[in-house]
PDBML (XML) file of the C-alpha atoms, coordinates in Angstrom:
<?xml version="1.0" encoding="UTF-8" ?>
<PDBx:datablock datablockName="MODEL"
   xmlns:PDBx="http://pdbml.pdb.org/schema/pdbx-v50.xsd"
   xmlns:xsi="http://www.w3.org/2001/XMLSchema-instance"
   xsi:schemaLocation="http://pdbml.pdb.org/schema/pdbx-v50.xsd pdbx-v50.xsd">
   <PDBx:atom_siteCategory>
      <PDBx:atom_site id="1">
         <PDBx:B_iso_or_equiv>0.00</PDBx:B_iso_or_equiv>
         <PDBx:Cartn_x>0.003</PDBx:Cartn_x>
         <PDBx:Cartn_y>-0.021</PDBx:Cartn_y>
         <PDBx:Cartn_z>-0.029</PDBx:Cartn_z>
         <PDBx:auth_asym_id>A</PDBx:auth_asym_id>
         <PDBx:auth_atom_id>CA</PDBx:auth_atom_id>
         <PDBx:auth_comp_id>LYS</PDBx:auth_comp_id>
         <PDBx:auth_seq_id>1</PDBx:auth_seq_id>
         <PDBx:group_PDB>ATOM</PDBx:group_PDB>
         <PDBx:label_alt_id xsi:nil="true" />
         <PDBx:label_asym_id>A</PDBx:label_asym_id>
         <PDBx:label_atom_id>CA</PDBx:label_atom_id>
         <PDBx:label_comp_id>LYS</PDBx:label_comp_id>
         <PDBx:label_entity_id>1</PDBx:label_entity_id>
         <PDBx:label_seq_id>1</PDBx:label_seq_id>
         <PDBx:occupancy>1.00</PDBx:occupancy>
         <PDBx:pdbx_PDB_model_num>1</PDBx:pdbx_PDB_model_num>
         <PDBx:type_symbol>C</PDBx:type_symbol>
      </PDBx:atom_site>
      <PDBx:atom_site id="2">
         <PDBx:B_iso_or_equiv>0.00</PDBx:B_iso_or_equiv>
         <PDBx:Cartn_x>2.909</PDBx:Cartn_x>
         <PDBx:Cartn_y>2.390</PDBx:Cartn_y>
         <PDBx:Cartn_z>0.726</PDBx:Cartn_z>
         <PDBx:auth_asym_id>A</PDBx:auth_asym_id>
         <PDBx:auth_atom_id>CA</PDBx:auth_atom_id>
         <PDBx:auth_comp_id>ALA</PDBx:auth_comp_id>
         <PDBx:auth_seq_id>2</PDBx:auth_seq_id>
         <PDBx:group_PDB>ATOM</PDBx:group_PDB>
         <PDBx:label_alt_id xsi:nil="true" />
         <PDBx:label_asym_id>A</PDBx:label_asym_id>
         <PDBx:label_atom_id>CA</PDBx:label_atom_id>
         <PDBx:label_comp_id>ALA</PDBx:label_comp_id>
         <PDBx:label_entity_id>1</PDBx:label_entity_id>
         <PDBx:label_seq_id>2</PDBx:label_seq_id>
         <PDBx:occupancy>1.00</PDBx:occupancy>
         <PDBx:pdbx_PDB_model_num>1</PDBx:pdbx_PDB_model_num>
         <PDBx:type_symbol>C</PDBx:type_symbol>
      </PDBx:atom_site>
      <PDBx:atom_site id="3">
         <PDBx:B_iso_or_equiv>0.00</PDBx:B_iso_or_equiv>
         <PDBx:Cartn_x>4.513</PDBx:Cartn_x>
         <PDBx:Cartn_y>1.585</PDBx:Cartn_y>
         <PDBx:Cartn_z>-2.597</PDBx:Cartn_z>
         <PDBx:auth_asym_id>A</PDBx:auth_asym_id>
         <PDBx:auth_atom_id>CA</PDBx:auth_atom_id>
         <PDBx:auth_comp_id>SER</PDBx:auth_comp_id>
         <PDBx:auth_seq_id>3</PDBx:auth_seq_id>
         <PDBx:group_PDB>ATOM</PDBx:group_PDB>
         <PDBx:label_alt_id xsi:nil="true" />
         <PDBx:label_asym_id>A</PDBx:label_asym_id>
         <PDBx:label_atom_id>CA</PDBx:label_atom_id>
         <PDBx:label_comp_id>SER</PDBx:label_comp_id>
         <PDBx:label_entity_id>1</PDBx:label_entity_id>
         <PDBx:label_seq_id>3</PDBx:label_seq_id>
         <PDBx:occupancy>1.00</PDBx:occupancy>
         <PDBx:pdbx_PDB_model_num>1</PDBx:pdbx_PDB_model_num>
         <PDBx:type_symbol>C</PDBx:type_symbol>
      </PDBx:atom_site>
      <PDBx:atom_site id="4">
         <PDBx:B_iso_or_equiv>0.00</PDBx:B_iso_or_equiv>
         <PDBx:Cartn_x>1.375</PDBx:Cartn_x>
         <PDBx:Cartn_y>2.215</PDBx:Cartn_y>
         <PDBx:Cartn_z>-4.596</PDBx:Cartn_z>
         <PDBx:auth_asym_id>A</PDBx:auth_asym_id>
         <PDBx:auth_atom_id>CA</PDBx:auth_atom_id>
         <PDBx:auth_comp_id>ARG</PDBx:auth_comp_id>
         <PDBx:auth_seq_id>4</PDBx:auth_seq_id>
         <PDBx:group_PDB>ATOM</PDBx:group_PDB>
         <PDBx:label_alt_id xsi:nil="true" />
         <PDBx:label_asym_id>A</PDBx:label_asym_id>
         <PDBx:label_atom_id>CA</PDBx:label_atom_id>
         <PDBx:label_comp_id>ARG</PDBx:label_comp_id>
         <PDBx:label_entity_id>1</PDBx:label_entity_id>
         <PDBx:label_seq_id>4</PDBx:label_seq_id>
         <PDBx:occupancy>1.00</PDBx:occupancy>
         <PDBx:pdbx_PDB_model_num>1</PDBx:pdbx_PDB_model_num>
         <PDBx:type_symbol>C</PDBx:type_symbol>
      </PDBx:atom_site>
      <PDBx:atom_site id="5">
         <PDBx:B_iso_or_equiv>0.00</PDBx:B_iso_or_equiv>
         <PDBx:Cartn_x>0.651</PDBx:Cartn_x>
         <PDBx:Cartn_y>5.398</PDBx:Cartn_y>
         <PDBx:Cartn_z>-2.656</PDBx:Cartn_z>
         <PDBx:auth_asym_id>A</PDBx:auth_asym_id>
         <PDBx:auth_atom_id>CA</PDBx:auth_atom_id>
         <PDBx:auth_comp_id>ALA</PDBx:auth_comp_id>
         <PDBx:auth_seq_id>5</PDBx:auth_seq_id>
         <PDBx:group_PDB>ATOM</PDBx:group_PDB>
         <PDBx:label_alt_id xsi:nil="true" />
         <PDBx:label_asym_id>A</PDBx:label_asym_id>
         <PDBx:label_atom_id>CA</PDBx:label_atom_id>
         <PDBx:label_comp_id>ALA</PDBx:label_comp_id>
         <PDBx:label_entity_id>1</PDBx:label_entity_id>
         <PDBx:label_seq_id>5</PDBx:label_seq_id>
         <PDBx:occupancy>1.00</PDBx:occupancy>
         <PDBx:pdbx_PDB_model_num>1</PDBx:pdbx_PDB_model_num>
         <PDBx:type_symbol>C</PDBx:type_symbol>
      </PDBx:atom_site>
      <PDBx:atom_site id="6">
         <PDBx:B_iso_or_equiv>0.00</PDBx:B_iso_or_equiv>
         <PDBx:Cartn_x>4.031</PDBx:Cartn_x>
         <PDBx:Cartn_y>6.747</PDBx:Cartn_y>
         <PDBx:Cartn_z>-3.696</PDBx:Cartn_z>
         <PDBx:auth_asym_id>A</PDBx:auth_asym_id>
         <PDBx:auth_atom_id>CA</PDBx:auth_atom_id>
         <PDBx:auth_comp_id>VAL</PDBx:auth_comp_id>
         <PDBx:auth_seq_id>6</PDBx:auth_seq_id>
         <PDBx:group_PDB>ATOM</PDBx:group_PDB>
         <PDBx:label_alt_id xsi:nil="true" />
         <PDBx:label_asym_id>A</PDBx:label_asym_id>
         <PDBx:label_atom_id>CA</PDBx:label_atom_id>
         <PDBx:label_comp_id>VAL</PDBx:label_comp_id>
         <PDBx:label_entity_id>1</PDBx:label_entity_id>
         <PDBx:label_seq_id>6</PDBx:label_seq_id>
         <PDBx:occupancy>1.00</PDBx:occupancy>
         <PDBx:pdbx_PDB_model_num>1</PDBx:pdbx_PDB_model_num>
         <PDBx:type_symbol>C</PDBx:type_symbol>
      </PDBx:atom_site>
      <PDBx:atom_site id="7">
         <PDBx:B_iso_or_equiv>0.00</PDBx:B_iso_or_equiv>
         <PDBx:Cartn_x>3.459</PDBx:Cartn_x>
         <PDBx:Cartn_y>5.671</PDBx:Cartn_y>
         <PDBx:Cartn_z>-7.303</PDBx:Cartn_z>
         <PDBx:auth_asym_id>A</PDBx:auth_asym_id>
         <PDBx:auth_atom_id>CA</PDBx:auth_atom_id>
         <PDBx:auth_comp_id>MET</PDBx:auth_comp_id>
         <PDBx:auth_seq_id>7</PDBx:auth_seq_id>
         <PDBx:group_PDB>ATOM</PDBx:group_PDB>
         <PDBx:label_alt_id xsi:nil="true" />
         <PDBx:label_asym_id>A</PDBx:label_asym_id>
         <PDBx:label_atom_id>CA</PDBx:label_atom_id>
         <PDBx:label_comp_id>MET</PDBx:label_comp_id>
         <PDBx:label_entity_id>1</PDBx:label_entity_id>
         <PDBx:label_seq_id>7</PDBx:label_seq_id>
         <PDBx:occupancy>1.00</PDBx:occupancy>
         <PDBx:pdbx_PDB_model_num>1</PDBx:pdbx_PDB_model_num>
         <PDBx:type_symbol>C</PDBx:type_symbol>
      </PDBx:atom_site>
      <PDBx:atom_site id="8">
         <PDBx:B_iso_or_equiv>0.00</PDBx:B_iso_or_equiv>
         <PDBx:Cartn_x>0.074</PDBx:Cartn_x>
         <PDBx:Cartn_y>7.395</PDBx:Cartn_y>
         <PDBx:Cartn_z>-7.389</PDBx:Cartn_z>
         <PDBx:auth_asym_id>A</PDBx:auth_asym_id>
         <PDBx:auth_atom_id>CA</PDBx:auth_atom_id>
         <PDBx:auth_comp_id>ASP</PDBx:auth_comp_id>
         <PDBx:auth_seq_id>8</PDBx:auth_seq_id>
         <PDBx:group_PDB>ATOM</PDBx:group_PDB>
         <PDBx:label_alt_id xsi:nil="true" />
         <PDBx:label_asym_id>A</PDBx:label_asym_id>
         <PDBx:label_atom_id>CA</PDBx:label_atom_id>
         <PDBx:label_comp_id>ASP</PDBx:label_comp_id>
         <PDBx:label_entity_id>1</PDBx:label_entity_id>
         <PDBx:label_seq_id>8</PDBx:label_seq_id>
         <PDBx:occupancy>1.00</PDBx:occupancy>
         <PDBx:pdbx_PDB_model_num>1</PDBx:pdbx_PDB_model_num>
         <PDBx:type_symbol>C</PDBx:type_symbol>
      </PDBx:atom_site>
      <PDBx:atom_site id="9">
         <PDBx:B_iso_or_equiv>0.00</PDBx:B_iso_or_equiv>
         <PDBx:Cartn_x>1.583</PDBx:Cartn_x>
         <PDBx:Cartn_y>10.670</PDBx:Cartn_y>
         <PDBx:Cartn_z>-6.011</PDBx:Cartn_z>
         <PDBx:auth_asym_id>A</PDBx:auth_asym_id>
         <PDBx:auth_atom_id>CA</PDBx:auth_atom_id>
         <PDBx:auth_comp_id>ALA</PDBx:auth_comp_id>
         <PDBx:auth_seq_id>9</PDBx:auth_seq_id>
         <PDBx:group_PDB>ATOM</PDBx:group_PDB>
         <PDBx:label_alt_id xsi:nil="true" />
         <PDBx:label_asym_id>A</PDBx:label_asym_id>
         <PDBx:label_atom_id>CA</PDBx:label_atom_id>
         <PDBx:label_comp_id>ALA</PDBx:label_comp_id>
         <PDBx:label_entity_id>1</PDBx:label_entity_id>
         <PDBx:label_seq_id>9</PDBx:label_seq_id>
         <PDBx:occupancy>1.00</PDBx:occupancy>
         <PDBx:pdbx_PDB_model_num>1</PDBx:pdbx_PDB_model_num>
         <PDBx:type_symbol>C</PDBx:type_symbol>
      </PDBx:atom_site>
      <PDBx:atom_site id="10">
         <PDBx:B_iso_or_equiv>0.00</PDBx:B_iso_or_equiv>
         <PDBx:Cartn_x>4.840</PDBx:Cartn_x>
         <PDBx:Cartn_y>10.804</PDBx:Cartn_y>
         <PDBx:Cartn_z>-7.925</PDBx:Cartn_z>
         <PDBx:auth_asym_id>A</PDBx:auth_asym_id>
         <PDBx:auth_atom_id>CA</PDBx:auth_atom_id>
         <PDBx:auth_comp_id>LEU</PDBx:auth_comp_id>
         <PDBx:auth_seq_id>10</PDBx:auth_seq_id>
         <PDBx:group_PDB>ATOM</PDBx:group_PDB>
         <PDBx:label_alt_id xsi:nil="true" />
         <PDBx:label_asym_id>A</PDBx:label_asym_id>
         <PDBx:label_atom_id>CA</PDBx:label_atom_id>
         <PDBx:label_comp_id>LEU</PDBx:label_comp_id>
         <PDBx:label_entity_id>1</PDBx:label_entity_id>
         <PDBx:label_seq_id>10</PDBx:label_seq_id>
         <PDBx:occupancy>1.00</PDBx:occupancy>
         <PDBx:pdbx_PDB_model_num>1</PDBx:pdbx_PDB_model_num>
         <PDBx:type_symbol>C</PDBx:type_symbol>
      </PDBx:atom_site>
      <PDBx:atom_site id="11">
         <PDBx:B_iso_or_equiv>0.00</PDBx:B_iso_or_equiv>
         <PDBx:Cartn_x>5.130</PDBx:Cartn_x>
         <PDBx:Cartn_y>13.424</PDBx:Cartn_y>
         <PDBx:Cartn_z>-10.575</PDBx:Cartn_z>
         <PDBx:auth_asym_id>A</PDBx:auth_asym_id>
         <PDBx:auth_atom_id>CA</PDBx:auth_atom_id>
         <PDBx:auth_comp_id>LYS</PDBx:auth_comp_id>
         <PDBx:auth_seq_id>11</PDBx:auth_seq_id>
         <PDBx:group_PDB>ATOM</PDBx:group_PDB>
         <PDBx:label_alt_id xsi:nil="true" />
         <PDBx:label_asym_id>A</PDBx:label_asym_id>
         <PDBx:label_atom_id>CA</PDBx:label_atom_id>
         <PDBx:label_comp_id>LYS</PDBx:label_comp_id>
         <PDBx:label_entity_id>1</PDBx:label_entity_id>
         <PDBx:label_seq_id>11</PDBx:label_seq_id>
         <PDBx:occupancy>1.00</PDBx:occupancy>
         <PDBx:pdbx_PDB_model_num>1</PDBx:pdbx_PDB_model_num>
         <PDBx:type_symbol>C</PDBx:type_symbol>
      </PDBx:atom_site>
      <PDBx:atom_site id="12">
         <PDBx:B_iso_or_equiv>0.00</PDBx:B_iso_or_equiv>
         <PDBx:Cartn_x>7.306</PDBx:Cartn_x>
         <PDBx:Cartn_y>16.400</PDBx:Cartn_y>
         <PDBx:Cartn_z>-11.507</PDBx:Cartn_z>
         <PDBx:auth_asym_id>A</PDBx:auth_asym_id>
         <PDBx:auth_atom_id>CA</PDBx:auth_atom_id>
         <PDBx:auth_comp_id>PRO</PDBx:auth_comp_id>
         <PDBx:auth_seq_id>12</PDBx:auth_seq_id>
         <PDBx:group_PDB>ATOM</PDBx:group_PDB>
         <PDBx:label_alt_id xsi:nil="true" />
         <PDBx:label_asym_id>A</PDBx:label_asym_id>
         <PDBx:label_atom_id>CA</PDBx:label_atom_id>
         <PDBx:label_comp_id>PRO</PDBx:label_comp_id>
         <PDBx:label_entity_id>1</PDBx:label_entity_id>
         <PDBx:label_seq_id>12</PDBx:label_seq_id>
         <PDBx:occupancy>1.00</PDBx:occupancy>
         <PDBx:pdbx_PDB_model_num>1</PDBx:pdbx_PDB_model_num>
         <PDBx:type_symbol>C</PDBx:type_symbol>
      </PDBx:atom_site>
      <PDBx:atom_site id="13">
         <PDBx:B_iso_or_equiv>0.00</PDBx:B_iso_or_equiv>
         <PDBx:Cartn_x>7.336</PDBx:Cartn_x>
         <PDBx:Cartn_y>19.042</PDBx:Cartn_y>
         <PDBx:Cartn_z>-8.865</PDBx:Cartn_z>
         <PDBx:auth_asym_id>A</PDBx:auth_asym_id>
         <PDBx:auth_atom_id>CA</PDBx:auth_atom_id>
         <PDBx:auth_comp_id>GLY</PDBx:auth_comp_id>
         <PDBx:auth_seq_id>13</PDBx:auth_seq_id>
         <PDBx:group_PDB>ATOM</PDBx:group_PDB>
         <PDBx:label_alt_id xsi:nil="true" />
         <PDBx:label_asym_id>A</PDBx:label_asym_id>
         <PDBx:label_atom_id>CA</PDBx:label_atom_id>
         <PDBx:label_comp_id>GLY</PDBx:label_comp_id>
         <PDBx:label_entity_id>1</PDBx:label_entity_id>
         <PDBx:label_seq_id>13</PDBx:label_seq_id>
         <PDBx:occupancy>1.00</PDBx:occupancy>
         <PDBx:pdbx_PDB_model_num>1</PDBx:pdbx_PDB_model_num>
         <PDBx:type_symbol>C</PDBx:type_symbol>
      </PDBx:atom_site>
      <PDBx:atom_site id="14">
         <PDBx:B_iso_or_equiv>0.00</PDBx:B_iso_or_equiv>
         <PDBx:Cartn_x>7.032</PDBx:Cartn_x>
         <PDBx:Cartn_y>16.646</PDBx:Cartn_y>
         <PDBx:Cartn_z>-5.977</PDBx:Cartn_z>
         <PDBx:auth_asym_id>A</PDBx:auth_asym_id>
         <PDBx:auth_atom_id>CA</PDBx:auth_atom_id>
         <PDBx:auth_comp_id>ILE</PDBx:auth_comp_id>
         <PDBx:auth_seq_id>14</PDBx:auth_seq_id>
         <PDBx:group_PDB>ATOM</PDBx:group_PDB>
         <PDBx:label_alt_id xsi:nil="true" />
         <PDBx:label_asym_id>A</PDBx:label_asym_id>
         <PDBx:label_atom_id>CA</PDBx:label_atom_id>
         <PDBx:label_comp_id>ILE</PDBx:label_comp_id>
         <PDBx:label_entity_id>1</PDBx:label_entity_id>
         <PDBx:label_seq_id>14</PDBx:label_seq_id>
         <PDBx:occupancy>1.00</PDBx:occupancy>
         <PDBx:pdbx_PDB_model_num>1</PDBx:pdbx_PDB_model_num>
         <PDBx:type_symbol>C</PDBx:type_symbol>
      </PDBx:atom_site>
      <PDBx:atom_site id="15">
         <PDBx:B_iso_or_equiv>0.00</PDBx:B_iso_or_equiv>
         <PDBx:Cartn_x>9.732</PDBx:Cartn_x>
         <PDBx:Cartn_y>16.650</PDBx:Cartn_y>
         <PDBx:Cartn_z>-3.168</PDBx:Cartn_z>
         <PDBx:auth_asym_id>A</PDBx:auth_asym_id>
         <PDBx:auth_atom_id>CA</PDBx:auth_atom_id>
         <PDBx:auth_comp_id>CYS</PDBx:auth_comp_id>
         <PDBx:auth_seq_id>15</PDBx:auth_seq_id>
         <PDBx:group_PDB>ATOM</PDBx:group_PDB>
         <PDBx:label_alt_id xsi:nil="true" />
         <PDBx:label_asym_id>A</PDBx:label_asym_id>
         <PDBx:label_atom_id>CA</PDBx:label_atom_id>
         <PDBx:label_comp_id>CYS</PDBx:label_comp_id>
         <PDBx:label_entity_id>1</PDBx:label_entity_id>
         <PDBx:label_seq_id>15</PDBx:label_seq_id>
         <PDBx:occupancy>1.00</PDBx:occupancy>
         <PDBx:pdbx_PDB_model_num>1</PDBx:pdbx_PDB_model_num>
         <PDBx:type_symbol>C</PDBx:type_symbol>
      </PDBx:atom_site>
      <PDBx:atom_site id="16">
         <PDBx:B_iso_or_equiv>0.00</PDBx:B_iso_or_equiv>
         <PDBx:Cartn_x>11.360</PDBx:Cartn_x>
         <PDBx:Cartn_y>13.171</PDBx:Cartn_y>
         <PDBx:Cartn_z>-2.842</PDBx:Cartn_z>
         <PDBx:auth_asym_id>A</PDBx:auth_asym_id>
         <PDBx:auth_atom_id>CA</PDBx:auth_atom_id>
         <PDBx:auth_comp_id>TRP</PDBx:auth_comp_id>
         <PDBx:auth_seq_id>16</PDBx:auth_seq_id>
         <PDBx:group_PDB>ATOM</PDBx:group_PDB>
         <PDBx:label_alt_id xsi:nil="true" />
         <PDBx:label_asym_id>A</PDBx:label_asym_id>
         <PDBx:label_atom_id>CA</PDBx:label_atom_id>
         <PDBx:label_comp_id>TRP</PDBx:label_comp_id>
         <PDBx:label_entity_id>1</PDBx:label_entity_id>
         <PDBx:label_seq_id>16</PDBx:label_seq_id>
         <PDBx:occupancy>1.00</PDBx:occupancy>
         <PDBx:pdbx_PDB_model_num>1</PDBx:pdbx_PDB_model_num>
         <PDBx:type_symbol>C</PDBx:type_symbol>
      </PDBx:atom_site>
      <PDBx:atom_site id="17">
         <PDBx:B_iso_or_equiv>0.00</PDBx:B_iso_or_equiv>
         <PDBx:Cartn_x>11.523</PDBx:Cartn_x>
         <PDBx:Cartn_y>13.703</PDBx:Cartn_y>
         <PDBx:Cartn_z>1.053</PDBx:Cartn_z>
         <PDBx:auth_asym_id>A</PDBx:auth_asym_id>
         <PDBx:auth_atom_id>CA</PDBx:auth_atom_id>
         <PDBx:auth_comp_id>VAL</PDBx:auth_comp_id>
         <PDBx:auth_seq_id>17</PDBx:auth_seq_id>
         <PDBx:group_PDB>ATOM</PDBx:group_PDB>
         <PDBx:label_alt_id xsi:nil="true" />
         <PDBx:label_asym_id>A</PDBx:label_asym_id>
         <PDBx:label_atom_id>CA</PDBx:label_atom_id>
         <PDBx:label_comp_id>VAL</PDBx:label_comp_id>
         <PDBx:label_entity_id>1</PDBx:label_entity_id>
         <PDBx:label_seq_id>17</PDBx:label_seq_id>
         <PDBx:occupancy>1.00</PDBx:occupancy>
         <PDBx:pdbx_PDB_model_num>1</PDBx:pdbx_PDB_model_num>
         <PDBx:type_symbol>C</PDBx:type_symbol>
      </PDBx:atom_site>
      <PDBx:atom_site id="18">
         <PDBx:B_iso_or_equiv>0.00</PDBx:B_iso_or_equiv>
         <PDBx:Cartn_x>7.714</PDBx:Cartn_x>
         <PDBx:Cartn_y>14.009</PDBx:Cartn_y>
         <PDBx:Cartn_z>1.023</PDBx:Cartn_z>
         <PDBx:auth_asym_id>A</PDBx:auth_asym_id>
         <PDBx:auth_atom_id>CA</PDBx:auth_atom_id>
         <PDBx:auth_comp_id>ASP</PDBx:auth_comp_id>
         <PDBx:auth_seq_id>18</PDBx:auth_seq_id>
         <PDBx:group_PDB>ATOM</PDBx:group_PDB>
         <PDBx:label_alt_id xsi:nil="true" />
         <PDBx:label_asym_id>A</PDBx:label_asym_id>
         <PDBx:label_atom_id>CA</PDBx:label_atom_id>
         <PDBx:label_comp_id>ASP</PDBx:label_comp_id>
         <PDBx:label_entity_id>1</PDBx:label_entity_id>
         <PDBx:label_seq_id>18</PDBx:label_seq_id>
         <PDBx:occupancy>1.00</PDBx:occupancy>
         <PDBx:pdbx_PDB_model_num>1</PDBx:pdbx_PDB_model_num>
         <PDBx:type_symbol>C</PDBx:type_symbol>
      </PDBx:atom_site>
      <PDBx:atom_site id="19">
         <PDBx:B_iso_or_equiv>0.00</PDBx:B_iso_or_equiv>
         <PDBx:Cartn_x>7.470</PDBx:Cartn_x>
         <PDBx:Cartn_y>10.633</PDBx:Cartn_y>
         <PDBx:Cartn_z>-0.813</PDBx:Cartn_z>
         <PDBx:auth_asym_id>A</PDBx:auth_asym_id>
         <PDBx:auth_atom_id>CA</PDBx:auth_atom_id>
         <PDBx:auth_comp_id>MET</PDBx:auth_comp_id>
         <PDBx:auth_seq_id>19</PDBx:auth_seq_id>
         <PDBx:group_PDB>ATOM</PDBx:group_PDB>
         <PDBx:label_alt_id xsi:nil="true" />
         <PDBx:label_asym_id>A</PDBx:label_asym_id>
         <PDBx:label_atom_id>CA</PDBx:label_atom_id>
         <PDBx:label_comp_id>MET</PDBx:label_comp_id>
         <PDBx:label_entity_id>1</PDBx:label_entity_id>
         <PDBx:label_seq_id>19</PDBx:label_seq_id>
         <PDBx:occupancy>1.00</PDBx:occupancy>
         <PDBx:pdbx_PDB_model_num>1</PDBx:pdbx_PDB_model_num>
         <PDBx:type_symbol>C</PDBx:type_symbol>
      </PDBx:atom_site>
      <PDBx:atom_site id="20">
         <PDBx:B_iso_or_equiv>0.00</PDBx:B_iso_or_equiv>
         <PDBx:Cartn_x>9.572</PDBx:Cartn_x>
         <PDBx:Cartn_y>9.023</PDBx:Cartn_y>
         <PDBx:Cartn_z>1.874</PDBx:Cartn_z>
         <PDBx:auth_asym_id>A</PDBx:auth_asym_id>
         <PDBx:auth_atom_id>CA</PDBx:auth_atom_id>
         <PDBx:auth_comp_id>HIS</PDBx:auth_comp_id>
         <PDBx:auth_seq_id>20</PDBx:auth_seq_id>
         <PDBx:group_PDB>ATOM</PDBx:group_PDB>
         <PDBx:label_alt_id xsi:nil="true" />
         <PDBx:label_asym_id>A</PDBx:label_asym_id>
         <PDBx:label_atom_id>CA</PDBx:label_atom_id>
         <PDBx:label_comp_id>HIS</PDBx:label_comp_id>
         <PDBx:label_entity_id>1</PDBx:label_entity_id>
         <PDBx:label_seq_id>20</PDBx:label_seq_id>
         <PDBx:occupancy>1.00</PDBx:occupancy>
         <PDBx:pdbx_PDB_model_num>1</PDBx:pdbx_PDB_model_num>
         <PDBx:type_symbol>C</PDBx:type_symbol>
      </PDBx:atom_site>
      <PDBx:atom_site id="21">
         <PDBx:B_iso_or_equiv>0.00</PDBx:B_iso_or_equiv>
         <PDBx:Cartn_x>7.298</PDBx:Cartn_x>
         <PDBx:Cartn_y>10.539</PDBx:Cartn_y>
         <PDBx:Cartn_z>4.599</PDBx:Cartn_z>
         <PDBx:auth_asym_id>A</PDBx:auth_asym_id>
         <PDBx:auth_atom_id>CA</PDBx:auth_atom_id>
         <PDBx:auth_comp_id>LEU</PDBx:auth_comp_id>
         <PDBx:auth_seq_id>21</PDBx:auth_seq_id>
         <PDBx:group_PDB>ATOM</PDBx:group_PDB>
         <PDBx:label_alt_id xsi:nil="true" />
         <PDBx:label_asym_id>A</PDBx:label_asym_id>
         <PDBx:label_atom_id>CA</PDBx:label_atom_id>
         <PDBx:label_comp_id>LEU</PDBx:label_comp_id>
         <PDBx:label_entity_id>1</PDBx:label_entity_id>
         <PDBx:label_seq_id>21</PDBx:label_seq_id>
         <PDBx:occupancy>1.00</PDBx:occupancy>
         <PDBx:pdbx_PDB_model_num>1</PDBx:pdbx_PDB_model_num>
         <PDBx:type_symbol>C</PDBx:type_symbol>
      </PDBx:atom_site>
      <PDBx:atom_site id="22">
         <PDBx:B_iso_or_equiv>0.00</PDBx:B_iso_or_equiv>
         <PDBx:Cartn_x>4.241</PDBx:Cartn_x>
         <PDBx:Cartn_y>9.383</PDBx:Cartn_y>
         <PDBx:Cartn_z>2.694</PDBx:Cartn_z>
         <PDBx:auth_asym_id>A</PDBx:auth_asym_id>
         <PDBx:auth_atom_id>CA</PDBx:auth_atom_id>
         <PDBx:auth_comp_id>LEU</PDBx:auth_comp_id>
         <PDBx:auth_seq_id>22</PDBx:auth_seq_id>
         <PDBx:group_PDB>ATOM</PDBx:group_PDB>
         <PDBx:label_alt_id xsi:nil="true" />
         <PDBx:label_asym_id>A</PDBx:label_asym_id>
         <PDBx:label_atom_id>CA</PDBx:label_atom_id>
         <PDBx:label_comp_id>LEU</PDBx:label_comp_id>
         <PDBx:label_entity_id>1</PDBx:label_entity_id>
         <PDBx:label_seq_id>22</PDBx:label_seq_id>
         <PDBx:occupancy>1.00</PDBx:occupancy>
         <PDBx:pdbx_PDB_model_num>1</PDBx:pdbx_PDB_model_num>
         <PDBx:type_symbol>C</PDBx:type_symbol>
      </PDBx:atom_site>
      <PDBx:atom_site id="23">
         <PDBx:B_iso_or_equiv>0.00</PDBx:B_iso_or_equiv>
         <PDBx:Cartn_x>5.496</PDBx:Cartn_x>
         <PDBx:Cartn_y>5.881</PDBx:Cartn_y>
         <PDBx:Cartn_z>2.663</PDBx:Cartn_z>
         <PDBx:auth_asym_id>A</PDBx:auth_asym_id>
         <PDBx:auth_atom_id>CA</PDBx:auth_atom_id>
         <PDBx:auth_comp_id>ALA</PDBx:auth_comp_id>
         <PDBx:auth_seq_id>23</PDBx:auth_seq_id>
         <PDBx:group_PDB>ATOM</PDBx:group_PDB>
         <PDBx:label_alt_id xsi:nil="true" />
         <PDBx:label_asym_id>A</PDBx:label_asym_id>
         <PDBx:label_atom_id>CA</PDBx:label_atom_id>
         <PDBx:label_comp_id>ALA</PDBx:label_comp_id>
         <PDBx:label_entity_id>1</PDBx:label_entity_id>
         <PDBx:label_seq_id>23</PDBx:label_seq_id>
         <PDBx:occupancy>1.00</PDBx:occupancy>
         <PDBx:pdbx_PDB_model_num>1</PDBx:pdbx_PDB_model_num>
         <PDBx:type_symbol>C</PDBx:type_symbol>
      </PDBx:atom_site>
      <PDBx:atom_site id="24">
         <PDBx:B_iso_or_equiv>0.00</PDBx:B_iso_or_equiv>
         <PDBx:Cartn_x>6.234</PDBx:Cartn_x>
         <PDBx:Cartn_y>6.029</PDBx:Cartn_y>
         <PDBx:Cartn_z>6.404</PDBx:Cartn_z>
         <PDBx:auth_asym_id>A</PDBx:auth_asym_id>
         <PDBx:auth_atom_id>CA</PDBx:auth_atom_id>
         <PDBx:auth_comp_id>ASN</PDBx:auth_comp_id>
         <PDBx:auth_seq_id>24</PDBx:auth_seq_id>
         <PDBx:group_PDB>ATOM</PDBx:group_PDB>
         <PDBx:label_alt_id xsi:nil="true" />
         <PDBx:label_asym_id>A</PDBx:label_asym_id>
         <PDBx:label_atom_id>CA</PDBx:label_atom_id>
         <PDBx:label_comp_id>ASN</PDBx:label_comp_id>
         <PDBx:label_entity_id>1</PDBx:label_entity_id>
         <PDBx:label_seq_id>24</PDBx:label_seq_id>
         <PDBx:occupancy>1.00</PDBx:occupancy>
         <PDBx:pdbx_PDB_model_num>1</PDBx:pdbx_PDB_model_num>
         <PDBx:type_symbol>C</PDBx:type_symbol>
      </PDBx:atom_site>
   </PDBx:atom_siteCategory>
</PDBx:datablock>
């Protein structure tokens, strides 16, 4: 679920740190 949440959110302009925190 964490993996797919990141995939759904990932796009240009997104901060990679925020993706890490989203997965957490």
